[in-house]
Amino acid sequence: MPCPEVKNVPRSLSPGGSMETVSPPLPPALMQRLVMAVMVHGIPDSQVGTAFEILVHALRHPLAYVRELAVVALAELPLGSSKRIAALVRALQDDSARVRRRAARALGDFDPPAWPAMGMLIAALRDVDGSVRRDAAGALQRFGPLAAPAAPSLVALIADPDMRTRAVASATLRSIGPAAVTALQQARLHAHAELRARIDEWLSRYALAVATTPPPGETRSLSLYSTDVLPPLPSPTHSVSPETASKNASETADPSPTLS
């Protein structure tokens, strides 16, 4: 199947070469075509710059679905990381939670890590949408110990009602290492009862994992990875029914939508 050419996608440039407002807005069907060109067929090097301009402009499209497609394509565009990271950081502030979540995921896929995005990813840990918080925490895991400034915000997520968010936050704190322990110990001094219980459980498991980590070349059966998901705690005034406990235990699938 021939590669769709980016030049066939409508765009408007000023005489100086800067992007002007496209009117009417780029249709979703054409954006899908561009995404397919970037992710499946590949595009000629000579058209990468044009594709980048179109995608950045699409981040201001009135349809959230088109903005989400633009984020997906920007993550895969064969262009230097600095420009793409800057565009994705702006997408972290989108009105749509789906777009923000896609941007957080995309920023977590950069290797080496997307250092300029770390501050915005830390801010996203306090997003009003739970899925954005979870994926921002996952993206920060890529930074390892250098994500230490995120530790205080991650602490609150280990008491999140969503099991997957607790697991991701726990894993990211573990990747931060000793600085996370310090943050957890400090947070414990002023934490409410439920969060304090979570912190105590995390610290116990972390200490056990450190104590049982084998030297290089050795293998031991005990691993923090098999026990890093803390079960939901009951409310101080309500008990957890068997049905609720069963439902919480079965929540393992990621319900994120798949773009067609």
Protein backbone atom coordinates (compact mmCIF):
# COMPACT_ATOMS: atom_id res chain seq x y z
CA MET A 1 0.00 0.00 0.00
CA PRO A 2 1.56 3.33 -0.99
CA CYS A 3 2.48 5.80 1.70
CA PRO A 4 -0.02 8.67 1.96
CA GLU A 5 1.74 11.94 1.27
CA VAL A 6 1.57 14.62 3.93
CA LYS A 7 1.44 17.27 1.22
CA ASN A 8 -2.10 16.15 0.39
CA VAL A 9 -3.33 17.21 3.84
CA PRO A 10 -4.73 20.76 3.72
CA ARG A 11 -2.61 23.33 5.52
CA SER A 12 -2.09 27.05 5.36
CA LEU A 13 1.25 28.79 5.67
CA SER A 14 1.95 32.48 5.76
CA PRO A 15 4.52 33.85 3.29
CA GLY A 16 7.10 33.62 6.07
CA GLY A 17 6.42 29.93 6.57
CA SER A 18 4.55 30.06 9.89
CA MET A 19 1.31 28.16 10.44
CA GLU A 20 -1.88 30.17 10.07
CA THR A 21 -5.37 29.18 11.17
CA VAL A 22 -6.71 26.36 9.03
CA SER A 23 -10.29 26.99 7.98
CA PRO A 24 -12.25 24.83 8.00
CA PRO A 25 -10.56 22.78 10.78
CA LEU A 26 -8.70 19.67 9.71
CA PRO A 27 -11.29 16.87 9.27
CA PRO A 28 -10.86 13.82 11.54
CA ALA A 29 -10.59 11.53 8.50
CA LEU A 30 -7.56 13.42 7.23
CA MET A 31 -5.99 13.39 10.68
CA GLN A 32 -6.46 9.61 10.80
CA ARG A 33 -4.72 9.40 7.46
CA LEU A 34 -1.76 11.38 8.74
CA VAL A 35 -1.56 9.25 11.90
CA MET A 36 -1.50 6.10 9.78
CA ALA A 37 1.23 7.60 7.62
CA VAL A 38 3.36 8.36 10.68
CA MET A 39 2.78 5.14 12.62
CA VAL A 40 2.38 2.48 9.93
CA HIS A 41 3.71 3.53 6.56
CA GLY A 42 6.31 6.08 7.54
CA ILE A 43 6.74 9.42 5.82
CA PRO A 44 9.64 10.79 3.76
CA ASP A 45 12.22 12.81 5.66
CA SER A 46 11.38 15.81 3.52
CA GLN A 47 7.81 15.81 4.88
CA VAL A 48 8.54 15.34 8.59
CA GLY A 49 8.72 19.07 9.27
CA THR A 50 5.43 19.68 7.50
CA ALA A 51 3.79 16.85 9.42
CA PHE A 52 5.04 18.30 12.70
CA GLU A 53 3.52 21.71 11.93
CA ILE A 54 0.19 20.12 11.03
CA LEU A 55 0.14 18.03 14.20
CA VAL A 56 1.05 20.94 16.45
CA HIS A 57 -1.72 22.99 14.87
CA ALA A 58 -4.13 20.08 15.35
CA LEU A 59 -3.54 20.29 19.11
CA ARG A 60 -5.81 23.37 18.96
CA HIS A 61 -8.53 21.61 16.97
CA PRO A 62 -12.06 22.02 18.41
CA LEU A 63 -12.61 18.24 18.43
CA ALA A 64 -10.91 16.43 21.31
CA TYR A 65 -10.68 13.27 19.20
CA VAL A 66 -8.54 15.07 16.62
CA ARG A 67 -6.31 16.51 19.36
CA GLU A 68 -5.90 13.01 20.77
CA LEU A 69 -4.90 11.67 17.36
CA ALA A 70 -2.36 14.48 17.07
CA VAL A 71 -0.78 13.42 20.37
CA VAL A 72 -0.57 9.80 19.21
CA ALA A 73 1.19 10.82 15.99
CA LEU A 74 3.54 13.29 17.71
CA ALA A 75 4.73 10.52 20.00
CA GLU A 76 5.86 8.47 16.98
CA LEU A 77 7.00 11.18 14.57
CA PRO A 78 10.65 10.63 13.51
CA LEU A 79 11.77 14.05 14.72
CA GLY A 80 14.11 15.27 17.44
CA SER A 81 12.67 14.76 20.91
CA SER A 82 12.92 18.37 22.12
CA LYS A 83 10.26 19.73 19.75
CA ARG A 84 7.92 16.80 20.33
CA ILE A 85 8.30 16.98 24.10
CA ALA A 86 7.44 20.68 24.09
CA ALA A 87 4.27 19.99 22.09
CA LEU A 88 3.25 17.08 24.32
CA VAL A 89 3.81 19.17 27.45
CA ARG A 90 1.29 21.67 26.09
CA ALA A 91 -1.10 18.78 25.50
CA LEU A 92 -0.86 17.93 29.22
CA GLN A 93 -2.89 21.10 29.79
CA ASP A 94 -5.67 20.19 27.34
CA ASP A 95 -9.30 20.53 28.41
CA SER A 96 -9.91 16.86 27.58
CA ALA A 97 -8.78 14.25 30.09
CA ARG A 98 -8.29 11.76 27.25
CA VAL A 99 -5.83 14.10 25.55
CA ARG A 100 -3.98 14.79 28.81
CA ARG A 101 -3.77 11.08 29.50
CA ARG A 102 -2.41 10.34 26.02
CA ALA A 103 0.18 13.08 26.46
CA ALA A 104 1.32 11.68 29.82
CA ARG A 105 1.67 8.20 28.34
CA ALA A 106 3.59 9.52 25.36
CA LEU A 107 6.00 11.45 27.57
CA GLY A 108 6.67 8.29 29.55
CA ASP A 109 7.81 6.48 26.40
CA PHE A 110 10.78 8.72 25.65
CA ASP A 111 14.22 7.17 26.06
CA PRO A 112 16.20 8.91 27.41
CA PRO A 113 13.49 10.37 29.64
CA ALA A 114 11.65 13.56 28.75
CA TRP A 115 13.46 15.71 31.30
CA PRO A 116 11.82 19.03 30.30
CA ALA A 117 8.42 17.47 31.03
CA MET A 118 9.12 16.31 34.58
CA GLY A 119 7.67 19.42 36.25
CA MET A 120 4.42 19.20 34.30
CA LEU A 121 4.16 15.46 34.94
CA ILE A 122 4.51 16.12 38.65
CA ALA A 123 1.73 18.71 38.40
CA ALA A 124 -0.39 16.13 36.56
CA LEU A 125 -0.25 13.90 39.65
CA ARG A 126 -2.88 16.27 41.06
CA ASP A 127 -5.09 16.20 37.96
CA VAL A 128 -8.84 16.02 38.57
CA ASP A 129 -9.02 12.89 36.39
CA GLY A 130 -7.79 9.65 37.95
CA SER A 131 -6.53 8.14 34.71
CA VAL A 132 -4.34 11.20 34.09
CA ARG A 133 -2.88 10.94 37.59
CA ARG A 134 -2.15 7.25 37.05
CA ASP A 135 -0.44 7.70 33.70
CA ALA A 136 1.56 10.68 34.93
CA ALA A 137 2.82 8.51 37.79
CA GLY A 138 3.72 5.79 35.31
CA ALA A 139 5.60 8.26 33.11
CA LEU A 140 7.64 9.46 36.09
CA GLN A 141 8.85 5.93 36.74
CA ARG A 142 11.10 6.37 33.69
CA PHE A 143 13.06 9.05 35.59
CA GLY A 144 14.10 6.72 38.42
CA PRO A 145 15.75 8.37 41.46
CA LEU A 146 15.80 11.74 39.66
CA ALA A 147 12.02 11.87 40.06
CA ALA A 148 12.52 12.46 43.79
CA PRO A 149 10.71 15.85 43.63
CA ALA A 150 7.58 13.88 42.69
CA ALA A 151 7.66 11.73 45.83
CA PRO A 152 5.43 13.93 48.04
CA SER A 153 2.70 14.00 45.37
CA LEU A 154 3.03 10.27 44.74
CA VAL A 155 2.51 9.52 48.43
CA ALA A 156 -1.14 10.57 48.26
CA LEU A 157 -1.73 8.20 45.34
CA ILE A 158 -0.91 5.07 47.33
CA ALA A 159 -4.26 5.62 49.07
CA ASP A 160 -6.13 6.18 45.81
CA PRO A 161 -9.44 4.26 45.50
CA ASP A 162 -8.28 2.78 42.18
CA MET A 163 -6.13 -0.33 42.58
CA ARG A 164 -4.15 0.32 39.40
CA THR A 165 -3.28 3.84 40.52
CA ARG A 166 -2.04 2.51 43.84
CA ALA A 167 0.09 -0.08 42.06
CA VAL A 168 1.63 2.43 39.64
CA ALA A 169 2.33 4.98 42.39
CA SER A 170 3.90 2.26 44.53
CA ALA A 171 6.14 1.11 41.69
CA THR A 172 7.23 4.68 40.90
CA LEU A 173 8.04 5.38 44.54
CA ARG A 174 10.07 2.18 44.58
CA SER A 175 12.00 3.33 41.50
CA ILE A 176 12.82 6.60 43.28
CA GLY A 177 14.37 4.69 46.16
CA PRO A 178 15.62 6.20 49.46
CA ALA A 179 14.26 9.68 48.69
CA ALA A 180 10.79 8.14 48.51
CA VAL A 181 11.25 6.57 51.92
CA THR A 182 12.10 9.99 53.36
CA ALA A 183 9.02 11.55 51.75
CA LEU A 184 6.78 8.78 53.06
CA GLN A 185 8.16 9.08 56.58
CA GLN A 186 7.61 12.84 56.56
CA ALA A 187 4.10 12.51 55.15
CA ARG A 188 3.21 9.96 57.81
CA LEU A 189 3.59 12.58 60.54
CA HIS A 190 0.53 14.46 59.28
CA ALA A 191 -1.37 11.78 57.35
CA HIS A 192 -4.94 10.74 58.03
CA ALA A 193 -5.53 7.23 59.33
CA GLU A 194 -6.04 5.52 55.97
CA LEU A 195 -3.00 7.09 54.32
CA ARG A 196 -0.89 6.36 57.40
CA ALA A 197 -1.87 2.69 57.13
CA ARG A 198 -0.89 2.68 53.44
CA ILE A 199 2.45 4.29 54.22
CA ASP A 200 3.20 1.77 56.96
CA GLU A 201 2.37 -1.10 54.62
CA TRP A 202 4.52 0.32 51.81
CA LEU A 203 7.49 0.95 54.09
CA SER A 204 7.26 -2.57 55.51
CA ARG A 205 7.24 -4.13 52.05
CA TYR A 206 10.03 -1.88 50.83
CA ALA A 207 12.21 -2.76 53.81
CA LEU A 208 11.53 -6.46 53.31
CA ALA A 209 12.36 -6.21 49.62
CA VAL A 210 15.62 -4.39 50.29
CA ALA A 211 16.58 -6.92 52.95
CA THR A 212 15.91 -9.85 50.63
CA THR A 213 17.32 -8.42 47.40
CA PRO A 214 19.94 -10.93 46.25
CA PRO A 215 23.44 -9.91 45.22
CA PRO A 216 24.10 -9.91 41.46
CA GLY A 217 24.02 -13.44 40.08
CA GLU A 218 21.83 -14.87 42.86
CA THR A 219 18.09 -15.56 42.84
CA ARG A 220 15.62 -15.54 45.70
CA SER A 221 11.94 -16.28 45.60
CA LEU A 222 10.66 -13.28 47.55
CA SER A 223 10.00 -10.16 45.51
CA LEU A 224 8.27 -6.87 46.19
CA TYR A 225 6.84 -7.04 42.67
CA SER A 226 4.47 -9.83 43.68
CA THR A 227 3.01 -7.86 46.61
CA ASP A 228 3.10 -4.22 45.57
CA VAL A 229 -0.67 -3.79 45.08
CA LEU A 230 -2.26 -2.83 48.37
CA PRO A 231 -5.86 -3.98 48.82
CA PRO A 232 -8.52 -1.34 49.49
CA LEU A 233 -8.94 -0.43 53.14
CA PRO A 234 -12.44 -0.38 54.65
CA SER A 235 -14.00 2.92 55.65
CA PRO A 236 -13.76 3.62 59.38
CA THR A 237 -17.57 3.41 59.58
CA HIS A 238 -18.38 0.89 56.88
CA SER A 239 -17.30 -2.67 56.25
CA VAL A 240 -16.41 -4.01 52.83
CA SER A 241 -18.92 -6.52 51.49
CA PRO A 242 -17.71 -9.79 49.91
CA GLU A 243 -19.09 -8.57 46.57
CA THR A 244 -17.08 -5.33 46.75
CA ALA A 245 -13.93 -7.17 47.80
CA SER A 246 -14.32 -9.57 44.89
CA LYS A 247 -14.83 -6.69 42.46
CA ASN A 248 -11.76 -4.84 43.74
CA ALA A 249 -9.64 -7.97 43.49
CA SER A 250 -10.66 -8.49 39.87
CA GLU A 251 -9.80 -4.97 38.65
CA THR A 252 -6.68 -5.74 36.66
CA ALA A 253 -7.50 -4.75 33.06
CA ASP A 254 -6.64 -1.29 31.71
CA PRO A 255 -9.92 0.15 30.41
CA SER A 256 -8.24 2.79 28.25
CA PRO A 257 -9.92 3.13 24.86
CA THR A 258 -8.17 1.89 21.76
CA LEU A 259 -7.96 4.31 18.89
CA SER A 260 -8.99 2.86 15.57
